[in-house]
Every structure is written in C-alpha cells, then in structure tokens.
C-alpha cells in the first residue's frame, strides 16, 4: 500500500472556512456540476471498471435515506451512485476542499465537508437538513478509506445520524475498488456494488457514543456479510445464490 499518500488526520483550518459549503448544501439540491461529473465518470465506472450493481431496488425510490458503504477508493462515491437514478449528497473529508475549482464543483454538486480531527457537529446538521428535505446522503461506515487492504472498523457517524433521524439506512458493499488505487499499473479491477435491505432504527434524540457504535456496527456487519460473499463467491456466485433464494421464497409462498 506504499502508493497511498500519508494521511492528514486533523484539518488546521477554522470551521468558518467551511460555512459557505454547509449553507449552500442546506438550501440547494445538487446542481449542474453533479450531472457533469456523473456524465464523465459513470461511463468510466461502467466500461473501464466493468461495474455492475446488485439489488438496487433496496434503495428507496424517494424520501430520505442514508447509503452506508465500505470505503477503499476515491471512486467509491461514483461507484455507489452509478446505477441509481437518485442524486446522492456526500459527506467528504475537509482536506478535499481548498482548490477553487474543486470547491465550486463540490459546492454546486452538493458535497459537504466534515472536519477531520474535530468534533464537527456542522457536518451532521447539514446531513439532517438534506434528509429533512427528502434527499439521500452517503456516509461511509468506516468514516474514511481503509488503508490496510482489508475492511476497517465501524465508526459512530452512521449510527449517530441514523438514530437521530430514524430514516432507513441502506448498507452497501463495494467490492473491487481497492484495486483502483493501482490504475497507474494498468490494473482495472471489476467492481461490484451490492445494496442490502434497508435498516431502520427507533429515533433516539441524543444517542450515547455506545448507542451510535452499536447501530453503526449493525449496519457494517451487513456490509461485511455482503462483501465477504462477493470476495469468496464472486459476482456470478452471489447472483446465483440470490436467484436460488428468490425461487425458494416464491415456491414456499405458492405451497
């Protein structure tokens, strides 16, 4: 994993620097830059990385929802949304913000920052604002990219917003994106995204950290289950298993 740049865990810039991003996302839906980036990167996901999606019907067609995948690559945002008609808004690490061009693309596209190394309640207020208007938020279960080549550990963020909002959380396993980091070596892995059945939690107005972690772990356990199946059986094997399960359920219903 030597090709990964050293991680910066704490953003030294003041919270005020990011205020304009939060204010815009809270009052605007994703604009034209979302569609532009989608037009450029989705074909790359589909044809270069041969991405396919499984069980997209598990993502609610409308209303608020949280998409909660694992995270290996900066392309994961696009892999997670390539097969979805809905526009997702991303909580992204604050270190990505700073370049004027990218700042504009992010702001108009509906991306909002979370200050790394800080207790950033502004990011969660923005996530709540997006959900309250019936939109979709993507938050990574692990908080950031895994840098070990293996799935990381659940972080409390997904559990916090899930408990405070009570909206459905869709666990998502992104398999194959670890190899995207090695694209300079002309290695283009096959990527599969599987969406699990939505999980809904009873609302807790002020959840403790333990409650947040417990909820996040429940979501991440489902992500790990799907990811492991894709790792062991491959895309075709998982599809065959789901097809057999569907036939079995239909047969039981007709008995």
Protein backbone atom coordinates (compact mmCIF):
# COMPACT_ATOMS: atom_id res chain seq x y z
CA UNK A 1 0.00 0.00 0.00
CA UNK A 2 3.03 2.28 -0.44
CA UNK A 3 1.31 4.16 -3.26
CA UNK A 4 -1.09 5.82 -0.80
CA UNK A 5 -0.18 9.33 0.30
CA UNK A 6 0.34 9.93 4.04
CA UNK A 7 -2.94 10.61 5.78
CA UNK A 8 -3.64 14.02 7.33
CA UNK A 9 -5.90 13.37 10.30
CA UNK A 10 -6.55 16.91 11.52
CA UNK A 11 -7.56 19.89 9.39
CA UNK A 12 -5.98 23.07 10.84
CA UNK A 13 -8.35 25.48 9.07
CA UNK A 14 -11.06 27.20 11.14
CA UNK A 15 -14.65 26.00 10.98
CA UNK A 16 -15.65 29.31 9.38
CA UNK A 17 -13.80 28.38 6.20
CA UNK A 18 -16.37 25.66 5.51
CA UNK A 19 -19.50 27.64 6.43
CA UNK A 20 -20.35 28.54 2.83
CA UNK A 21 -20.38 24.90 1.80
CA UNK A 22 -22.78 23.93 4.57
CA UNK A 23 -25.07 26.88 3.91
CA UNK A 24 -25.32 26.10 0.21
CA UNK A 25 -25.98 22.38 0.65
CA UNK A 26 -28.62 23.05 3.30
CA UNK A 27 -30.60 25.28 0.96
CA UNK A 28 -29.90 23.83 -2.51
CA UNK A 29 -30.20 20.47 -4.17
CA UNK A 30 -27.25 19.25 -6.30
CA UNK A 31 -26.81 21.42 -9.40
CA UNK A 32 -25.29 21.15 -12.85
CA UNK A 33 -21.82 20.06 -11.71
CA UNK A 34 -23.35 16.86 -10.29
CA UNK A 35 -24.66 15.94 -13.74
CA UNK A 36 -21.41 16.94 -15.44
CA UNK A 37 -19.24 14.82 -13.15
CA UNK A 38 -21.71 11.97 -13.50
CA UNK A 39 -21.55 12.17 -17.31
CA UNK A 40 -17.75 11.96 -17.21
CA UNK A 41 -17.15 9.36 -14.52
CA UNK A 42 -20.08 6.95 -14.73
CA UNK A 43 -19.01 5.66 -18.18
CA UNK A 44 -15.54 5.05 -16.73
CA UNK A 45 -17.10 3.10 -13.87
CA UNK A 46 -19.27 1.03 -16.20
CA UNK A 47 -16.87 0.33 -19.05
CA UNK A 48 -13.35 0.61 -17.63
CA UNK A 49 -14.09 -0.97 -14.27
CA UNK A 50 -16.98 -3.10 -15.59
CA UNK A 51 -19.10 -2.09 -12.64
CA UNK A 52 -22.38 -3.86 -12.04
CA UNK A 53 -24.91 -3.34 -9.25
CA UNK A 54 -26.95 -5.89 -7.32
CA UNK A 55 -30.33 -5.23 -5.70
CA UNK A 56 -30.62 -1.52 -6.47
CA UNK A 57 -34.31 -1.87 -5.59
CA UNK A 58 -33.25 -1.82 -1.93
CA UNK A 59 -32.53 1.91 -2.26
CA UNK A 60 -35.81 3.81 -1.66
CA UNK A 61 -37.02 5.50 -4.84
CA UNK A 62 -37.88 8.65 -2.91
CA UNK A 63 -37.83 10.05 0.59
CA UNK A 64 -34.86 10.41 2.93
CA UNK A 65 -32.28 7.63 3.06
CA UNK A 66 -28.69 7.02 4.09
CA UNK A 67 -26.42 4.93 1.86
CA UNK A 68 -23.67 3.36 4.00
CA UNK A 69 -20.89 1.57 2.09
CA UNK A 70 -17.36 0.45 2.86
CA UNK A 71 -14.57 2.66 1.52
CA UNK A 72 -11.35 1.80 -0.34
CA UNK A 73 -11.11 4.33 -3.18
CA UNK A 74 -11.90 7.94 -4.10
CA UNK A 75 -14.03 6.47 -6.89
CA UNK A 76 -16.38 4.87 -4.35
CA UNK A 77 -18.71 7.89 -4.45
CA UNK A 78 -19.29 7.28 -8.15
CA UNK A 79 -19.42 3.50 -7.90
CA UNK A 80 -22.12 3.82 -5.22
CA UNK A 81 -24.27 6.12 -7.35
CA UNK A 82 -23.64 4.93 -10.90
CA UNK A 83 -26.73 2.70 -11.09
CA UNK A 84 -29.01 4.90 -9.01
CA UNK A 85 -31.38 7.45 -10.52
CA UNK A 86 -31.38 9.39 -7.28
CA UNK A 87 -28.83 12.12 -6.63
CA UNK A 88 -26.80 11.42 -3.52
CA UNK A 89 -25.10 14.06 -1.41
CA UNK A 90 -21.76 13.14 0.07
CA UNK A 91 -20.14 13.87 3.40
CA UNK A 92 -16.47 14.22 2.39
CA UNK A 93 -13.30 14.81 4.39
CA UNK A 94 -12.46 18.50 4.65
CA UNK A 95 -8.97 18.02 3.20
CA UNK A 96 -10.55 17.62 -0.24
CA UNK A 97 -11.68 21.26 -0.08
CA UNK A 98 -9.25 24.06 -0.87
CA UNK A 99 -8.76 24.22 -4.63
CA UNK A 100 -11.07 26.98 -6.01
CA UNK A 101 -12.23 24.88 -8.96
CA UNK A 102 -12.93 21.82 -6.84
CA UNK A 103 -14.58 24.00 -4.20
CA UNK A 104 -17.05 25.22 -6.80
CA UNK A 105 -17.69 21.73 -8.17
CA UNK A 106 -18.23 20.34 -4.67
CA UNK A 107 -20.47 23.19 -3.50
CA UNK A 108 -22.75 23.19 -6.54
CA UNK A 109 -22.68 19.39 -6.68
CA UNK A 110 -23.96 19.06 -3.11
CA UNK A 111 -20.80 17.74 -1.42
CA UNK A 112 -20.31 18.95 2.15
CA UNK A 113 -17.26 18.70 4.42
CA UNK A 114 -16.60 17.06 7.73
CA UNK A 115 -13.56 18.50 9.52
CA UNK A 116 -11.15 15.67 10.16
CA UNK A 117 -9.80 15.56 13.68
CA UNK A 118 -12.58 17.72 15.12
CA UNK A 119 -15.97 17.09 16.68
CA UNK A 120 -17.79 18.57 13.71
CA UNK A 121 -21.48 19.00 14.51
CA UNK A 122 -21.93 21.26 11.48
CA UNK A 123 -21.50 18.28 9.18
CA UNK A 124 -24.29 16.42 10.98
CA UNK A 125 -26.55 19.47 10.92
CA UNK A 126 -26.07 19.60 7.16
CA UNK A 127 -26.79 15.88 6.82
CA UNK A 128 -30.01 16.34 8.79
CA UNK A 129 -31.02 19.26 6.55
CA UNK A 130 -30.52 17.14 3.44
CA UNK A 131 -32.53 14.26 4.89
CA UNK A 132 -35.31 16.56 6.11
CA UNK A 133 -35.99 17.69 2.56
CA UNK A 134 -36.31 14.05 1.47
CA UNK A 135 -32.90 13.62 -0.14
CA UNK A 136 -30.26 10.92 0.06
CA UNK A 137 -26.94 11.12 1.97
CA UNK A 138 -23.91 8.88 1.51
CA UNK A 139 -21.82 8.24 4.63
CA UNK A 140 -19.04 5.67 4.84
CA UNK A 141 -19.33 3.13 7.63
CA UNK A 142 -15.60 3.30 8.33
CA UNK A 143 -15.52 7.10 8.34
CA UNK A 144 -12.65 7.18 5.82
CA UNK A 145 -10.75 4.97 3.40
CA UNK A 146 -9.34 1.74 4.71
CA UNK A 147 -5.57 1.85 4.27
CA UNK A 148 -4.83 -1.77 5.16
CA UNK A 149 -6.32 -3.55 2.14
CA UNK A 150 -9.00 -5.02 4.39
CA UNK A 151 -12.33 -3.79 5.69
CA UNK A 152 -11.84 -1.40 8.59
CA UNK A 153 -13.89 -0.83 11.72
CA UNK A 154 -17.32 0.77 12.07
CA UNK A 155 -17.26 4.38 13.17
CA UNK A 156 -20.13 6.01 15.10
CA UNK A 157 -21.07 8.63 12.48
CA UNK A 158 -23.54 6.48 10.53
CA UNK A 159 -25.11 5.29 13.78
CA UNK A 160 -25.43 8.84 15.07
CA UNK A 161 -27.34 10.20 12.08
CA UNK A 162 -29.40 7.01 11.75
CA UNK A 163 -30.58 7.14 15.38
CA UNK A 164 -31.20 10.89 15.42
CA UNK A 165 -33.18 10.86 12.15
CA UNK A 166 -34.83 7.44 12.10
CA UNK A 167 -34.51 7.29 8.30
CA UNK A 168 -33.72 3.99 6.54
CA UNK A 169 -30.06 3.07 6.20
CA UNK A 170 -29.07 1.04 3.14
CA UNK A 171 -25.86 -0.97 3.74
CA UNK A 172 -23.78 -1.25 0.57
CA UNK A 173 -20.79 -3.44 -0.21
CA UNK A 174 -18.37 -2.06 -2.80
CA UNK A 175 -16.11 -4.89 -3.93
CA UNK A 176 -13.11 -4.44 -6.23
CA UNK A 177 -12.42 -0.76 -5.67
CA UNK A 178 -9.28 -1.50 -3.66
CA UNK A 179 -7.54 -2.13 -6.99
CA UNK A 180 -8.49 1.30 -8.32
CA UNK A 181 -5.53 2.73 -6.42
CA UNK A 182 -3.25 0.76 -8.75
CA UNK A 183 -4.69 2.09 -12.02
CA UNK A 184 -1.29 3.54 -12.98
CA UNK A 185 -0.12 -0.03 -13.34
CA UNK A 186 -2.91 -0.60 -15.88
CA UNK A 187 -4.85 -2.74 -13.46
CA UNK A 188 -8.56 -2.14 -13.85
CA UNK A 189 -10.48 -4.35 -11.43
CA UNK A 190 -14.05 -5.47 -11.88
CA UNK A 191 -16.22 -3.57 -9.40
CA UNK A 192 -19.48 -4.79 -7.91
CA UNK A 193 -21.82 -2.83 -5.64
CA UNK A 194 -24.46 -4.75 -3.69
CA UNK A 195 -27.20 -2.92 -1.80
CA UNK A 196 -28.67 -4.62 1.25
CA UNK A 197 -32.15 -4.35 2.68
CA UNK A 198 -32.74 -1.03 4.47
CA UNK A 199 -32.29 -0.97 8.24
CA UNK A 200 -34.40 1.41 10.33
CA UNK A 201 -33.75 2.36 13.94
CA UNK A 202 -36.05 3.87 16.54
CA UNK A 203 -35.33 7.57 16.98
CA UNK A 204 -33.03 8.48 19.87
CA UNK A 205 -32.85 12.24 20.37
CA UNK A 206 -29.40 12.28 21.99
CA UNK A 207 -27.76 8.88 21.47
CA UNK A 208 -24.72 7.98 23.52
CA UNK A 209 -21.50 7.04 21.74
CA UNK A 210 -22.13 3.42 22.68
CA UNK A 211 -25.57 3.53 21.06
CA UNK A 212 -24.10 5.16 17.97
CA UNK A 213 -21.42 2.50 17.68
CA UNK A 214 -23.93 -0.31 18.21
CA UNK A 215 -26.15 0.97 15.40
CA UNK A 216 -23.19 1.58 13.11
CA UNK A 217 -21.88 -1.91 13.81
CA UNK A 218 -25.23 -3.44 12.91
CA UNK A 219 -25.08 -1.70 9.53
CA UNK A 220 -21.43 -2.57 8.96
CA UNK A 221 -21.96 -6.22 9.86
CA UNK A 222 -24.37 -6.43 6.93
CA UNK A 223 -21.84 -4.68 4.68
CA UNK A 224 -19.15 -7.18 5.72
CA UNK A 225 -21.51 -10.11 5.10
CA UNK A 226 -22.18 -8.95 1.52
CA UNK A 227 -18.54 -8.06 0.89
CA UNK A 228 -17.30 -11.44 2.11
CA UNK A 229 -19.77 -13.24 -0.15
CA UNK A 230 -18.55 -11.22 -3.15
CA UNK A 231 -14.95 -11.92 -2.18
CA UNK A 232 -15.48 -15.67 -1.80
CA UNK A 233 -18.06 -16.43 -4.49
CA UNK A 234 -17.62 -13.58 -6.93
CA UNK A 235 -20.32 -11.55 -8.63
CA UNK A 236 -21.74 -14.50 -10.57
CA UNK A 237 -21.83 -16.72 -7.48
CA UNK A 238 -23.69 -14.11 -5.44
CA UNK A 239 -26.22 -13.59 -8.24
CA UNK A 240 -26.83 -17.34 -8.49
CA UNK A 241 -27.32 -17.55 -4.73
CA UNK A 242 -29.81 -14.66 -4.76
CA UNK A 243 -31.68 -16.23 -7.66
CA UNK A 244 -31.95 -19.59 -5.86
CA UNK A 245 -33.15 -17.81 -2.72
CA UNK A 246 -35.79 -15.91 -4.71
CA UNK A 247 -37.05 -19.10 -6.36
CA UNK A 248 -37.18 -20.83 -2.97
CA UNK A 249 -39.18 -17.99 -1.44
CA UNK A 250 -41.60 -17.95 -4.36
CA UNK A 251 -42.01 -21.70 -4.11
CA UNK A 252 -42.72 -21.53 -0.39
CA UNK A 253 -45.28 -18.80 -0.97
CA UNK A 254 -47.14 -20.86 -3.50
CA UNK A 255 -47.17 -24.04 -1.42
